[in-house]
PDB file of N, CA and C in Angstrom:
ATOM      1  N   MET A   1     -89.014  36.220-103.146  1.00  0.00           N
ATOM      2  CA  MET A   1     -88.146  35.683-104.155  1.00  0.00           C
ATOM      3  C   MET A   1     -86.738  35.517-103.611  1.00  0.00           C
ATOM      4  N   LYS A   2     -86.174  34.356-103.880  1.00  0.00           N
ATOM      5  CA  LYS A   2     -84.846  34.042-103.376  1.00  0.00           C
ATOM      6  C   LYS A   2     -83.808  34.384-104.442  1.00  0.00           C
ATOM      7  N   SER A   3     -82.796  35.133-104.035  1.00  0.00           N
ATOM      8  CA  SER A   3     -81.764  35.455-105.026  1.00  0.00           C
ATOM      9  C   SER A   3     -80.774  34.304-105.100  1.00  0.00           C
ATOM     10  N   GLY A   4     -80.199  34.068-106.253  1.00  0.00           N
ATOM     11  CA  GLY A   4     -79.232  32.985-106.440  1.00  0.00           C
ATOM     12  C   GLY A   4     -77.916  33.297-105.739  1.00  0.00           C
ATOM     13  N   ASN A   5     -77.370  32.301-105.093  1.00  0.00           N
ATOM     14  CA  ASN A   5     -76.092  32.453-104.406  1.00  0.00           C
ATOM     15  C   ASN A   5     -74.980  32.175-105.410  1.00  0.00           C
ATOM     16  N   THR A   6     -74.273  33.220-105.800  1.00  0.00           N
ATOM     17  CA  THR A   6     -73.219  33.054-106.796  1.00  0.00           C
ATOM     18  C   THR A   6     -71.833  33.059-106.182  1.00  0.00           C
ATOM     19  N   ALA A   7     -71.766  33.151-104.866  1.00  0.00           N
ATOM     20  CA  ALA A   7     -70.452  33.132-104.205  1.00  0.00           C
ATOM     21  C   ALA A   7     -69.861  31.730-104.289  1.00  0.00           C
ATOM     22  N   PRO A   8     -68.577  31.623-104.648  1.00  0.00           N
ATOM     23  CA  PRO A   8     -67.957  30.301-104.744  1.00  0.00           C
ATOM     24  C   PRO A   8     -67.810  29.674-103.355  1.00  0.00           C
ATOM     25  N   ARG A   9     -67.875  28.361-103.314  1.00  0.00           N
ATOM     26  CA  ARG A   9     -67.695  27.645-102.061  1.00  0.00           C
ATOM     27  C   ARG A   9     -66.223  27.696-101.660  1.00  0.00           C
ATOM     28  N   PRO A  10     -65.935  27.634-100.350  1.00  0.00           N
ATOM     29  CA  PRO A  10     -64.545  27.727 -99.881  1.00  0.00           C
ATOM     30  C   PRO A  10     -63.618  26.688-100.503  1.00  0.00           C
ATOM     31  N   ALA A  11     -64.070  25.461-100.676  1.00  0.00           N
ATOM     32  CA  ALA A  11     -63.210  24.427-101.249  1.00  0.00           C
ATOM     33  C   ALA A  11     -62.821  24.768-102.681  1.00  0.00           C
ATOM     34  N   VAL A  12     -63.759  25.321-103.434  1.00  0.00           N
ATOM     35  CA  VAL A  12     -63.488  25.696-104.820  1.00  0.00           C
ATOM     36  C   VAL A  12     -62.468  26.829-104.860  1.00  0.00           C
ATOM     37  N   VAL A  13     -62.624  27.787-103.954  1.00  0.00           N
ATOM     38  CA  VAL A  13     -61.683  28.905-103.879  1.00  0.00           C
ATOM     39  C   VAL A  13     -60.289  28.392-103.535  1.00  0.00           C
ATOM     40  N   LEU A  14     -60.187  27.480-102.565  1.00  0.00           N
ATOM     41  CA  LEU A  14     -58.893  26.939-102.152  1.00  0.00           C
ATOM     42  C   LEU A  14     -58.228  26.196-103.295  1.00  0.00           C
ATOM     43  N   ILE A  15     -58.968  25.338-103.964  1.00  0.00           N
ATOM     44  CA  ILE A  15     -58.400  24.584-105.087  1.00  0.00           C
ATOM     45  C   ILE A  15     -57.952  25.530-106.191  1.00  0.00           C
ATOM     46  N   GLY A  16     -58.766  26.525-106.489  1.00  0.00           N
ATOM     47  CA  GLY A  16     -58.391  27.507-107.512  1.00  0.00           C
ATOM     48  C   GLY A  16     -57.132  28.266-107.143  1.00  0.00           C
ATOM     49  N   ALA A  17     -57.019  28.644-105.866  1.00  0.00           N
ATOM     50  CA  ALA A  17     -55.829  29.369-105.410  1.00  0.00           C
ATOM     51  C   ALA A  17     -54.587  28.494-105.511  1.00  0.00           C
ATOM     52  N   LEU A  18     -54.707  27.224-105.127  1.00  0.00           N
ATOM     53  CA  LEU A  18     -53.560  26.317-105.218  1.00  0.00           C
ATOM     54  C   LEU A  18     -53.117  26.120-106.656  1.00  0.00           C
ATOM     55  N   ILE A  19     -54.077  25.967-107.561  1.00  0.00           N
ATOM     56  CA  ILE A  19     -53.741  25.811-108.975  1.00  0.00           C
ATOM     57  C   ILE A  19     -53.069  27.076-109.496  1.00  0.00           C
ATOM     58  N   ALA A  20     -53.594  28.242-109.131  1.00  0.00           N
ATOM     59  CA  ALA A  20     -53.021  29.517-109.585  1.00  0.00           C
ATOM     60  C   ALA A  20     -51.595  29.695-109.075  1.00  0.00           C
ATOM     61  N   LEU A  21     -51.328  29.189-107.882  1.00  0.00           N
ATOM     62  CA  LEU A  21     -49.985  29.311-107.308  1.00  0.00           C
ATOM     63  C   LEU A  21     -49.038  28.233-107.801  1.00  0.00           C
ATOM     64  N   GLY A  22     -49.565  27.266-108.540  1.00  0.00           N
ATOM     65  CA  GLY A  22     -48.721  26.200-109.061  1.00  0.00           C
ATOM     66  C   GLY A  22     -48.420  25.131-108.036  1.00  0.00           C
ATOM     67  N   VAL A  23     -49.222  25.045-106.988  1.00  0.00           N
ATOM     68  CA  VAL A  23     -49.012  24.037-105.962  1.00  0.00           C
ATOM     69  C   VAL A  23     -49.631  22.739-106.452  1.00  0.00           C
ATOM     70  N   THR A  24     -48.847  21.669-106.396  1.00  0.00           N
ATOM     71  CA  THR A  24     -49.348  20.368-106.823  1.00  0.00           C
ATOM     72  C   THR A  24     -49.100  19.346-105.735  1.00  0.00           C
ATOM     73  N   ALA A  25     -49.666  18.192-105.895  1.00  0.00           N
ATOM     74  CA  ALA A  25     -49.446  17.101-104.940  1.00  0.00           C
ATOM     75  C   ALA A  25     -47.997  16.656-105.041  1.00  0.00           C
ATOM     76  N   PRO A  26     -47.426  16.169-103.940  1.00  0.00           N
ATOM     77  CA  PRO A  26     -46.048  15.703-104.004  1.00  0.00           C
ATOM     78  C   PRO A  26     -45.903  14.524-104.961  1.00  0.00           C
ATOM     79  N   ALA A  27     -44.768  14.464-105.613  1.00  0.00           N
ATOM     80  CA  ALA A  27     -44.505  13.366-106.540  1.00  0.00           C
ATOM     81  C   ALA A  27     -44.173  12.106-105.752  1.00  0.00           C
ATOM     82  N   PRO A  28     -44.503  10.935-106.308  1.00  0.00           N
ATOM     83  CA  PRO A  28     -44.087   9.697-105.650  1.00  0.00           C
ATOM     84  C   PRO A  28     -42.569   9.669-105.522  1.00  0.00           C
ATOM     85  N   ALA A  29     -42.057   8.878-104.590  1.00  0.00           N
ATOM     86  CA  ALA A  29     -40.627   8.853-104.292  1.00  0.00           C
ATOM     87  C   ALA A  29     -39.775   8.601-105.526  1.00  0.00           C
ATOM     88  N   ASP A  30     -40.216   7.695-106.417  1.00  0.00           N
ATOM     89  CA  ASP A  30     -39.405   7.389-107.592  1.00  0.00           C
ATOM     90  C   ASP A  30     -39.331   8.553-108.567  1.00  0.00           C
ATOM     91  N   GLU A  31     -40.289   9.479-108.489  1.00  0.00           N
ATOM     92  CA  GLU A  31     -40.300  10.614-109.392  1.00  0.00           C
ATOM     93  C   GLU A  31     -39.739  11.872-108.744  1.00  0.00           C
ATOM     94  N   ALA A  32     -39.517  11.836-107.436  1.00  0.00           N
ATOM     95  CA  ALA A  32     -39.048  13.026-106.730  1.00  0.00           C
ATOM     96  C   ALA A  32     -37.651  13.388-107.216  1.00  0.00           C
ATOM     97  N   LYS A  33     -37.469  14.654-107.503  1.00  0.00           N
ATOM     98  CA  LYS A  33     -36.165  15.131-107.954  1.00  0.00           C
ATOM     99  C   LYS A  33     -35.783  16.311-107.085  1.00  0.00           C
ATOM    100  N   SER A  34     -34.532  16.382-106.735  1.00  0.00           N
ATOM    101  CA  SER A  34     -34.054  17.469-105.914  1.00  0.00           C
ATOM    102  C   SER A  34     -32.621  17.778-106.291  1.00  0.00           C
ATOM    103  N   ASP A  35     -32.293  19.064-106.232  1.00  0.00           N
ATOM    104  CA  ASP A  35     -30.921  19.465-106.491  1.00  0.00           C
ATOM    105  C   ASP A  35     -30.051  19.195-105.271  1.00  0.00           C
ATOM    106  N   LYS A  36     -30.694  19.047-104.127  1.00  0.00           N
ATOM    107  CA  LYS A  36     -29.993  18.828-102.875  1.00  0.00           C
ATOM    108  C   LYS A  36     -29.665  17.347-102.713  1.00  0.00           C
ATOM    109  N   PRO A  37     -28.440  17.019-102.294  1.00  0.00           N
ATOM    110  CA  PRO A  37     -28.122  15.608-102.073  1.00  0.00           C
ATOM    111  C   PRO A  37     -28.936  15.050-100.906  1.00  0.00           C
ATOM    112  N   PHE A  38     -29.197  13.771-100.941  1.00  0.00           N
ATOM    113  CA  PHE A  38     -29.950  13.073 -99.906  1.00  0.00           C
ATOM    114  C   PHE A  38     -29.109  13.033 -98.628  1.00  0.00           C
ATOM    115  N   ASP A  39     -29.602  13.622 -97.569  1.00  0.00           N
ATOM    116  CA  ASP A  39     -28.889  13.651 -96.290  1.00  0.00           C
ATOM    117  C   ASP A  39     -29.274  12.413 -95.496  1.00  0.00           C
ATOM    118  N   VAL A  40     -28.509  11.343 -95.683  1.00  0.00           N
ATOM    119  CA  VAL A  40     -28.819  10.060 -95.070  1.00  0.00           C
ATOM    120  C   VAL A  40     -28.743  10.152 -93.553  1.00  0.00           C
ATOM    121  N   LYS A  41     -27.725  10.809 -93.052  1.00  0.00           N
ATOM    122  CA  LYS A  41     -27.540  10.906 -91.606  1.00  0.00           C
ATOM    123  C   LYS A  41     -28.735  11.589 -90.942  1.00  0.00           C
ATOM    124  N   ALA A  42     -29.152  12.716 -91.465  1.00  0.00           N
ATOM    125  CA  ALA A  42     -30.296  13.438 -90.895  1.00  0.00           C
ATOM    126  C   ALA A  42     -31.580  12.629 -91.046  1.00  0.00           C
ATOM    127  N   THR A  43     -31.744  11.982 -92.192  1.00  0.00           N
ATOM    128  CA  THR A  43     -32.925  11.149 -92.417  1.00  0.00           C
ATOM    129  C   THR A  43     -32.960  10.007 -91.421  1.00  0.00           C
ATOM    130  N   PHE A  44     -31.827   9.363 -91.236  1.00  0.00           N
ATOM    131  CA  PHE A  44     -31.770   8.243 -90.288  1.00  0.00           C
ATOM    132  C   PHE A  44     -32.086   8.736 -88.879  1.00  0.00           C
ATOM    133  N   ARG A  45     -31.479   9.838 -88.491  1.00  0.00           N
ATOM    134  CA  ARG A  45     -31.715  10.392 -87.152  1.00  0.00           C
ATOM    135  C   ARG A  45     -33.188  10.714 -86.947  1.00  0.00           C
ATOM    136  N   ASN A  46     -33.821  11.351 -87.924  1.00  0.00           N
ATOM    137  CA  ASN A  46     -35.192  11.825 -87.780  1.00  0.00           C
ATOM    138  C   ASN A  46     -36.256  10.751 -87.971  1.00  0.00           C
ATOM    139  N   ILE A  47     -35.979   9.747 -88.758  1.00  0.00           N
ATOM    140  CA  ILE A  47     -36.989   8.734 -89.053  1.00  0.00           C
ATOM    141  C   ILE A  47     -36.642   7.391 -88.412  1.00  0.00           C
ATOM    142  N   CYS A  48     -35.473   6.895 -88.675  1.00  0.00           N
ATOM    143  CA  CYS A  48     -35.096   5.563 -88.201  1.00  0.00           C
ATOM    144  C   CYS A  48     -34.665   5.578 -86.725  1.00  0.00           C
ATOM    145  N   GLY A  49     -34.126   6.722 -86.296  1.00  0.00           N
ATOM    146  CA  GLY A  49     -33.603   6.838 -84.936  1.00  0.00           C
ATOM    147  C   GLY A  49     -34.642   6.643 -83.850  1.00  0.00           C
ATOM    148  N   PHE A  50     -35.907   6.747 -84.186  1.00  0.00           N
ATOM    149  CA  PHE A  50     -36.961   6.518 -83.197  1.00  0.00           C
ATOM    150  C   PHE A  50     -36.893   5.088 -82.666  1.00  0.00           C
ATOM    151  N   CYS A  51     -36.551   4.149 -83.527  1.00  0.00           N
ATOM    152  CA  CYS A  51     -36.473   2.742 -83.127  1.00  0.00           C
ATOM    153  C   CYS A  51     -35.049   2.205 -83.056  1.00  0.00           C
ATOM    154  N   HIS A  52     -34.148   2.809 -83.819  1.00  0.00           N
ATOM    155  CA  HIS A  52     -32.763   2.336 -83.857  1.00  0.00           C
ATOM    156  C   HIS A  52     -31.869   3.399 -83.224  1.00  0.00           C
ATOM    157  N   GLU A  53     -31.630   3.249 -81.940  1.00  0.00           N
ATOM    158  CA  GLU A  53     -30.952   4.258 -81.129  1.00  0.00           C
ATOM    159  C   GLU A  53     -29.505   4.498 -81.572  1.00  0.00           C
ATOM    160  N   ASP A  54     -29.062   5.730 -81.339  1.00  0.00           N
ATOM    161  CA  ASP A  54     -27.674   6.122 -81.626  1.00  0.00           C
ATOM    162  C   ASP A  54     -27.290   5.781 -83.068  1.00  0.00           C
ATOM    163  N   TYR A  55     -28.154   6.180 -83.996  1.00  0.00           N
ATOM    164  CA  TYR A  55     -27.936   5.939 -85.427  1.00  0.00           C
ATOM    165  C   TYR A  55     -27.861   4.451 -85.761  1.00  0.00           C
ATOM    166  N   GLY A  56     -28.491   3.619 -84.966  1.00  0.00           N
ATOM    167  CA  GLY A  56     -28.476   2.182 -85.226  1.00  0.00           C
ATOM    168  C   GLY A  56     -27.315   1.467 -84.578  1.00  0.00           C
ATOM    169  N   ARG A  57     -26.556   2.203 -83.765  1.00  0.00           N
ATOM    170  CA  ARG A  57     -25.415   1.571 -83.106  1.00  0.00           C
ATOM    171  C   ARG A  57     -25.804   0.875 -81.808  1.00  0.00           C
ATOM    172  N   LYS A  58     -27.045   1.091 -81.354  1.00  0.00           N
ATOM    173  CA  LYS A  58     -27.545   0.442 -80.143  1.00  0.00           C
ATOM    174  C   LYS A  58     -28.944  -0.096 -80.398  1.00  0.00           C
ATOM    175  N   ALA A  59     -29.284  -1.185 -79.734  1.00  0.00           N
ATOM    176  CA  ALA A  59     -30.642  -1.726 -79.806  1.00  0.00           C
ATOM    177  C   ALA A  59     -31.562  -0.860 -78.967  1.00  0.00           C
ATOM    178  N   SER A  60     -32.783  -0.733 -79.394  1.00  0.00           N
ATOM    179  CA  SER A  60     -33.813   0.009 -78.666  1.00  0.00           C
ATOM    180  C   SER A  60     -35.137  -0.683 -78.975  1.00  0.00           C
ATOM    181  N   LYS A  61     -36.100   0.052 -79.516  1.00  0.00           N
ATOM    182  CA  LYS A  61     -37.347  -0.578 -79.960  1.00  0.00           C
ATOM    183  C   LYS A  61     -37.058  -1.520 -81.130  1.00  0.00           C
ATOM    184  N   GLY A  62     -36.065  -1.157 -81.921  1.00  0.00           N
ATOM    185  CA  GLY A  62     -35.613  -1.980 -83.039  1.00  0.00           C
ATOM    186  C   GLY A  62     -34.213  -2.492 -82.741  1.00  0.00           C
ATOM    187  N   PRO A  63     -33.741  -3.436 -83.532  1.00  0.00           N
ATOM    188  CA  PRO A  63     -32.421  -4.023 -83.273  1.00  0.00           C
ATOM    189  C   PRO A  63     -31.265  -3.076 -83.587  1.00  0.00           C
ATOM    190  N   GLN A  64     -30.115  -3.384 -83.017  1.00  0.00           N
ATOM    191  CA  GLN A  64     -28.880  -2.693 -83.388  1.00  0.00           C
ATOM    192  C   GLN A  64     -28.599  -3.057 -84.843  1.00  0.00           C
ATOM    193  N   LEU A  65     -28.240  -2.073 -85.623  1.00  0.00           N
ATOM    194  CA  LEU A  65     -27.968  -2.313 -87.040  1.00  0.00           C
ATOM    195  C   LEU A  65     -26.473  -2.361 -87.339  1.00  0.00           C
ATOM    196  N   MET A  66     -25.693  -1.661 -86.541  1.00  0.00           N
ATOM    197  CA  MET A  66     -24.238  -1.668 -86.736  1.00  0.00           C
ATOM    198  C   MET A  66     -23.742  -3.108 -86.625  1.00  0.00           C
ATOM    199  N   SER A  67     -22.908  -3.506 -87.534  1.00  0.00           N
ATOM    200  CA  SER A  67     -22.311  -4.850 -87.563  1.00  0.00           C
ATOM    201  C   SER A  67     -23.357  -5.952 -87.734  1.00  0.00           C
ATOM    202  N   SER A  68     -24.477  -5.626 -88.366  1.00  0.00           N
ATOM    203  CA  SER A  68     -25.525  -6.620 -88.601  1.00  0.00           C
ATOM    204  C   SER A  68     -24.985  -7.756 -89.460  1.00  0.00           C
ATOM    205  N   GLU A  69     -25.380  -8.961 -89.108  1.00  0.00           N
ATOM    206  CA  GLU A  69     -24.982 -10.128 -89.899  1.00  0.00           C
ATOM    207  C   GLU A  69     -25.894 -10.321 -91.112  1.00  0.00           C
ATOM    208  N   ARG A  70     -26.980  -9.546 -91.171  1.00  0.00           N
ATOM    209  CA  ARG A  70     -27.884  -9.616 -92.322  1.00  0.00           C
ATOM    210  C   ARG A  70     -27.175  -9.040 -93.539  1.00  0.00           C
ATOM    211  N   ASN A  71     -27.465  -9.602 -94.731  1.00  0.00           N
ATOM    212  CA  ASN A  71     -26.803  -9.078 -95.929  1.00  0.00           C
ATOM    213  C   ASN A  71     -27.505  -7.810 -96.414  1.00  0.00           C
ATOM    214  N   ASP A  72     -26.856  -7.125 -97.338  1.00  0.00           N
ATOM    215  CA  ASP A  72     -27.380  -5.852 -97.848  1.00  0.00           C
ATOM    216  C   ASP A  72     -28.755  -6.012 -98.489  1.00  0.00           C
ATOM    217  N   GLU A  73     -28.969  -7.105 -99.193  1.00  0.00           N
ATOM    218  CA  GLU A  73     -30.261  -7.333 -99.838  1.00  0.00           C
ATOM    219  C   GLU A  73     -31.369  -7.452 -98.782  1.00  0.00           C
ATOM    220  N   PHE A  74     -31.088  -8.143 -97.682  1.00  0.00           N
ATOM    221  CA  PHE A  74     -32.067  -8.265 -96.608  1.00  0.00           C
ATOM    222  C   PHE A  74     -32.399  -6.887 -96.045  1.00  0.00           C
ATOM    223  N   LEU A  75     -31.361  -6.072 -95.745  1.00  0.00           N
ATOM    224  CA  LEU A  75     -31.591  -4.737 -95.191  1.00  0.00           C
ATOM    225  C   LEU A  75     -32.384  -3.875 -96.170  1.00  0.00           C
ATOM    226  N   PHE A  76     -32.005  -3.917 -97.440  1.00  0.00           N
ATOM    227  CA  PHE A  76     -32.717  -3.153 -98.467  1.00  0.00           C
ATOM    228  C   PHE A  76     -34.196  -3.539 -98.483  1.00  0.00           C
ATOM    229  N   ASN A  77     -34.476  -4.834 -98.535  1.00  0.00           N
ATOM    230  CA  ASN A  77     -35.865  -5.301 -98.598  1.00  0.00           C
ATOM    231  C   ASN A  77     -36.639  -4.973 -97.325  1.00  0.00           C
ATOM    232  N   ARG A  78     -35.991  -5.043 -96.178  1.00  0.00           N
ATOM    233  CA  ARG A  78     -36.683  -4.724 -94.931  1.00  0.00           C
ATOM    234  C   ARG A  78     -37.044  -3.241 -94.887  1.00  0.00           C
ATOM    235  N   ILE A  79     -36.123  -2.379 -95.320  1.00  0.00           N
ATOM    236  CA  ILE A  79     -36.413  -0.941 -95.347  1.00  0.00           C
ATOM    237  C   ILE A  79     -37.527  -0.661 -96.352  1.00  0.00           C
ATOM    238  N   LYS A  80     -37.441  -1.261 -97.506  1.00  0.00           N
ATOM    239  CA  LYS A  80     -38.421  -0.995 -98.559  1.00  0.00           C
ATOM    240  C   LYS A  80     -39.803  -1.563 -98.226  1.00  0.00           C
ATOM    241  N   ASN A  81     -39.848  -2.801 -97.743  1.00  0.00           N
ATOM    242  CA  ASN A  81     -41.126  -3.490 -97.553  1.00  0.00           C
ATOM    243  C   ASN A  81     -41.593  -3.578 -96.109  1.00  0.00           C
ATOM    244  N   GLY A  82     -40.712  -3.270 -95.157  1.00  0.00           N
ATOM    245  CA  GLY A  82     -41.083  -3.327 -93.753  1.00  0.00           C
ATOM    246  C   GLY A  82     -41.339  -4.735 -93.274  1.00  0.00           C
ATOM    247  N   LEU A  83     -41.944  -4.834 -92.100  1.00  0.00           N
ATOM    248  CA  LEU A  83     -42.320  -6.106 -91.501  1.00  0.00           C
ATOM    249  C   LEU A  83     -43.616  -5.849 -90.743  1.00  0.00           C
ATOM    250  N   PRO A  84     -44.727  -6.382 -91.232  1.00  0.00           N
ATOM    251  CA  PRO A  84     -46.026  -6.090 -90.609  1.00  0.00           C
ATOM    252  C   PRO A  84     -45.999  -6.259 -89.086  1.00  0.00           C
ATOM    253  N   GLY A  85     -46.487  -5.234 -88.424  1.00  0.00           N
ATOM    254  CA  GLY A  85     -46.551  -5.250 -86.968  1.00  0.00           C
ATOM    255  C   GLY A  85     -45.256  -4.903 -86.268  1.00  0.00           C
ATOM    256  N   ARG A  86     -44.166  -4.774 -87.019  1.00  0.00           N
ATOM    257  CA  ARG A  86     -42.861  -4.499 -86.412  1.00  0.00           C
ATOM    258  C   ARG A  86     -42.168  -3.269 -86.988  1.00  0.00           C
ATOM    259  N   MET A  87     -42.178  -3.156 -88.309  1.00  0.00           N
ATOM    260  CA  MET A  87     -41.486  -2.040 -88.949  1.00  0.00           C
ATOM    261  C   MET A  87     -42.280  -1.564 -90.155  1.00  0.00           C
ATOM    262  N   ALA A  88     -42.406  -0.251 -90.276  1.00  0.00           N
ATOM    263  CA  ALA A  88     -43.113   0.339 -91.416  1.00  0.00           C
ATOM    264  C   ALA A  88     -42.333   0.109 -92.701  1.00  0.00           C
ATOM    265  N   ALA A  89     -43.033   0.057 -93.807  1.00  0.00           N
ATOM    266  CA  ALA A  89     -42.418  -0.020 -95.129  1.00  0.00           C
ATOM    267  C   ALA A  89     -42.119   1.396 -95.597  1.00  0.00           C
ATOM    268  N   PHE A  90     -40.913   1.621 -96.089  1.00  0.00           N
ATOM    269  CA  PHE A  90     -40.520   2.952 -96.535  1.00  0.00           C
ATOM    270  C   PHE A  90     -40.304   3.025 -98.045  1.00  0.00           C
ATOM    271  N   GLY A  91     -40.774   2.015 -98.779  1.00  0.00           N
ATOM    272  CA  GLY A  91     -40.611   1.987-100.229  1.00  0.00           C
ATOM    273  C   GLY A  91     -41.309   3.109-100.958  1.00  0.00           C
ATOM    274  N   SER A  92     -42.363   3.658-100.359  1.00  0.00           N
ATOM    275  CA  SER A  92     -43.038   4.778-101.015  1.00  0.00           C
ATOM    276  C   SER A  92     -42.470   6.123-100.567  1.00  0.00           C
ATOM    277  N   ALA A  93     -41.642   6.108 -99.535  1.00  0.00           N
ATOM    278  CA  ALA A  93     -41.037   7.346 -99.036  1.00  0.00           C
ATOM    279  C   ALA A  93     -39.660   7.597 -99.640  1.00  0.00           C
ATOM    280  N   PHE A  94     -38.957   6.528 -99.988  1.00  0.00           N
ATOM    281  CA  PHE A  94     -37.597   6.640-100.504  1.00  0.00           C
ATOM    282  C   PHE A  94     -37.478   5.935-101.839  1.00  0.00           C
ATOM    283  N   THR A  95     -36.608   6.449-102.691  1.00  0.00           N
ATOM    284  CA  THR A  95     -36.297   5.773-103.950  1.00  0.00           C
ATOM    285  C   THR A  95     -35.403   4.577-103.630  1.00  0.00           C
ATOM    286  N   ASP A  96     -35.262   3.673-104.575  1.00  0.00           N
ATOM    287  CA  ASP A  96     -34.358   2.534-104.380  1.00  0.00           C
ATOM    288  C   ASP A  96     -32.935   3.014-104.128  1.00  0.00           C
ATOM    289  N   ASP A  97     -32.520   4.058-104.848  1.00  0.00           N
ATOM    290  CA  ASP A  97     -31.175   4.588-104.652  1.00  0.00           C
ATOM    291  C   ASP A  97     -31.006   5.138-103.235  1.00  0.00           C
ATOM    292  N   GLN A  98     -32.005   5.820-102.723  1.00  0.00           N
ATOM    293  CA  GLN A  98     -31.927   6.344-101.358  1.00  0.00           C
ATOM    294  C   GLN A  98     -31.866   5.204-100.342  1.00  0.00           C
ATOM    295  N   ILE A  99     -32.613   4.139-100.591  1.00  0.00           N
ATOM    296  CA  ILE A  99     -32.550   2.981 -99.681  1.00  0.00           C
ATOM    297  C   ILE A  99     -31.164   2.358 -99.726  1.00  0.00           C
ATOM    298  N   ARG A 100     -30.564   2.271-100.903  1.00  0.00           N
ATOM    299  CA  ARG A 100     -29.187   1.752-101.000  1.00  0.00           C
ATOM    300  C   ARG A 100     -28.225   2.635-100.200  1.00  0.00           C
ATOM    301  N   GLN A 101     -28.435   3.953-100.236  1.00  0.00           N
ATOM    302  CA  GLN A 101     -27.593   4.861 -99.455  1.00  0.00           C
ATOM    303  C   GLN A 101     -27.786   4.644 -97.955  1.00  0.00           C
ATOM    304  N   ILE A 102     -29.013   4.359 -97.536  1.00  0.00           N
ATOM    305  CA  ILE A 102     -29.277   4.075 -96.122  1.00  0.00           C
ATOM    306  C   ILE A 102     -28.538   2.799 -95.710  1.00  0.00           C
ATOM    307  N   VAL A 103     -28.587   1.773 -96.558  1.00  0.00           N
ATOM    308  CA  VAL A 103     -27.868   0.523 -96.269  1.00  0.00           C
ATOM    309  C   VAL A 103     -26.368   0.802 -96.177  1.00  0.00           C
ATOM    310  N   LYS A 104     -25.849   1.597 -97.090  1.00  0.00           N
ATOM    311  CA  LYS A 104     -24.429   1.959 -97.073  1.00  0.00           C
ATOM    312  C   LYS A 104     -24.087   2.708 -95.776  1.00  0.00           C
ATOM    313  N   PHE A 105     -24.984   3.587 -95.341  1.00  0.00           N
ATOM    314  CA  PHE A 105     -24.804   4.312 -94.084  1.00  0.00           C
ATOM    315  C   PHE A 105     -24.736   3.328 -92.921  1.00  0.00           C
ATOM    316  N   ILE A 106     -25.655   2.372 -92.884  1.00  0.00           N
ATOM    317  CA  ILE A 106     -25.678   1.369 -91.814  1.00  0.00           C
ATOM    318  C   ILE A 106     -24.358   0.604 -91.802  1.00  0.00           C
ATOM    319  N   ARG A 107     -23.876   0.219 -92.966  1.00  0.00           N
ATOM    320  CA  ARG A 107     -22.618  -0.547 -93.059  1.00  0.00           C
ATOM    321  C   ARG A 107     -21.403   0.259 -92.602  1.00  0.00           C
ATOM    322  N   SER A 108     -21.501   1.580 -92.653  1.00  0.00           N
ATOM    323  CA  SER A 108     -20.356   2.419 -92.283  1.00  0.00           C
ATOM    324  C   SER A 108     -20.293   2.731 -90.783  1.00  0.00           C
ATOM    325  N   LEU A 109     -21.310   2.328 -90.027  1.00  0.00           N
ATOM    326  CA  LEU A 109     -21.354   2.660 -88.595  1.00  0.00           C
ATOM    327  C   LEU A 109     -20.214   1.993 -87.841  1.00  0.00           C
ATOM    328  N   LYS A 110     -19.569   2.776 -86.973  1.00  0.00           N
ATOM    329  CA  LYS A 110     -18.455   2.287 -86.158  1.00  0.00           C
ATOM    330  C   LYS A 110     -18.635   2.781 -84.730  1.00  0.00           C
ATOM    331  N   VAL A 111     -18.191   1.984 -83.771  1.00  0.00           N
ATOM    332  CA  VAL A 111     -18.233   2.374 -82.366  1.00  0.00           C
ATOM    333  C   VAL A 111     -17.316   3.575 -82.156  1.00  0.00           C
ATOM    334  N   GLY A 112     -17.806   4.576 -81.438  1.00  0.00           N
ATOM    335  CA  GLY A 112     -16.984   5.730 -81.087  1.00  0.00           C
ATOM    336  C   GLY A 112     -16.644   6.659 -82.233  1.00  0.00           C
ATOM    337  N   GLU A 113     -17.256   6.462 -83.393  1.00  0.00           N
ATOM    338  CA  GLU A 113     -16.981   7.313 -84.556  1.00  0.00           C
ATOM    339  C   GLU A 113     -18.279   7.975 -84.985  1.00  0.00           C
ATOM    340  N   GLU A 114     -18.247   9.277 -85.158  1.00  0.00           N
ATOM    341  CA  GLU A 114     -19.444  10.012 -85.569  1.00  0.00           C
ATOM    342  C   GLU A 114     -19.897   9.533 -86.956  1.00  0.00           C
ATOM    343  N   PRO A 115     -21.161   9.121 -87.078  1.00  0.00           N
ATOM    344  CA  PRO A 115     -21.650   8.677 -88.385  1.00  0.00           C
ATOM    345  C   PRO A 115     -21.584   9.793 -89.424  1.00  0.00           C
ATOM    346  N   ARG A 116     -21.340   9.422 -90.678  1.00  0.00           N
ATOM    347  CA  ARG A 116     -21.260  10.370 -91.775  1.00  0.00           C
ATOM    348  C   ARG A 116     -22.105   9.904 -92.938  1.00  0.00           C
ATOM    349  N   ASN A 117     -22.523  10.849 -93.739  1.00  0.00           N
ATOM    350  CA  ASN A 117     -23.215  10.497 -94.966  1.00  0.00           C
ATOM    351  C   ASN A 117     -22.268   9.693 -95.840  1.00  0.00           C
ATOM    352  N   PRO A 118     -22.771   8.627 -96.458  1.00  0.00           N
ATOM    353  CA  PRO A 118     -21.897   7.849 -97.333  1.00  0.00           C
ATOM    354  C   PRO A 118     -21.552   8.631 -98.586  1.00  0.00           C
ATOM    355  N   SER A 119     -20.366   8.385 -99.101  1.00  0.00           N
ATOM    356  CA  SER A 119     -20.013   9.022-100.371  1.00  0.00           C
ATOM    357  C   SER A 119     -20.713   8.253-101.464  1.00  0.00           C
ATOM    358  N   THR A 120     -21.114   8.972-102.487  1.00  0.00           N
ATOM    359  CA  THR A 120     -21.871   8.326-103.564  1.00  0.00           C
ATOM    360  C   THR A 120     -20.980   7.761-104.619  1.00  0.00           C
TER     361      THR A 120
END
């Protein structure tokens, strides 16, 4: 006679533990709320800096962004929607307000001046 296996499966235990701890899936970017201000400089360095060297002040894998002749709407849309095969879309990673702050950061770049977070 085979006894019934009443031990919970590992996946069920993990899900139960996460629920008990109050761990949930991350909220979409538009719903994300934080008491901490958005650190544009650090975000740019860690994410955008891979392709836009020296905070976008030099061309690298991506173009130089400092003194770009593109208008703010173009930069906003490119960051939000990307360019297939060239640049990832970040619309699901950042809120529209955060993208506007990134554009403001790009516009503030100056040669020989340490980049700063834009004032809100």
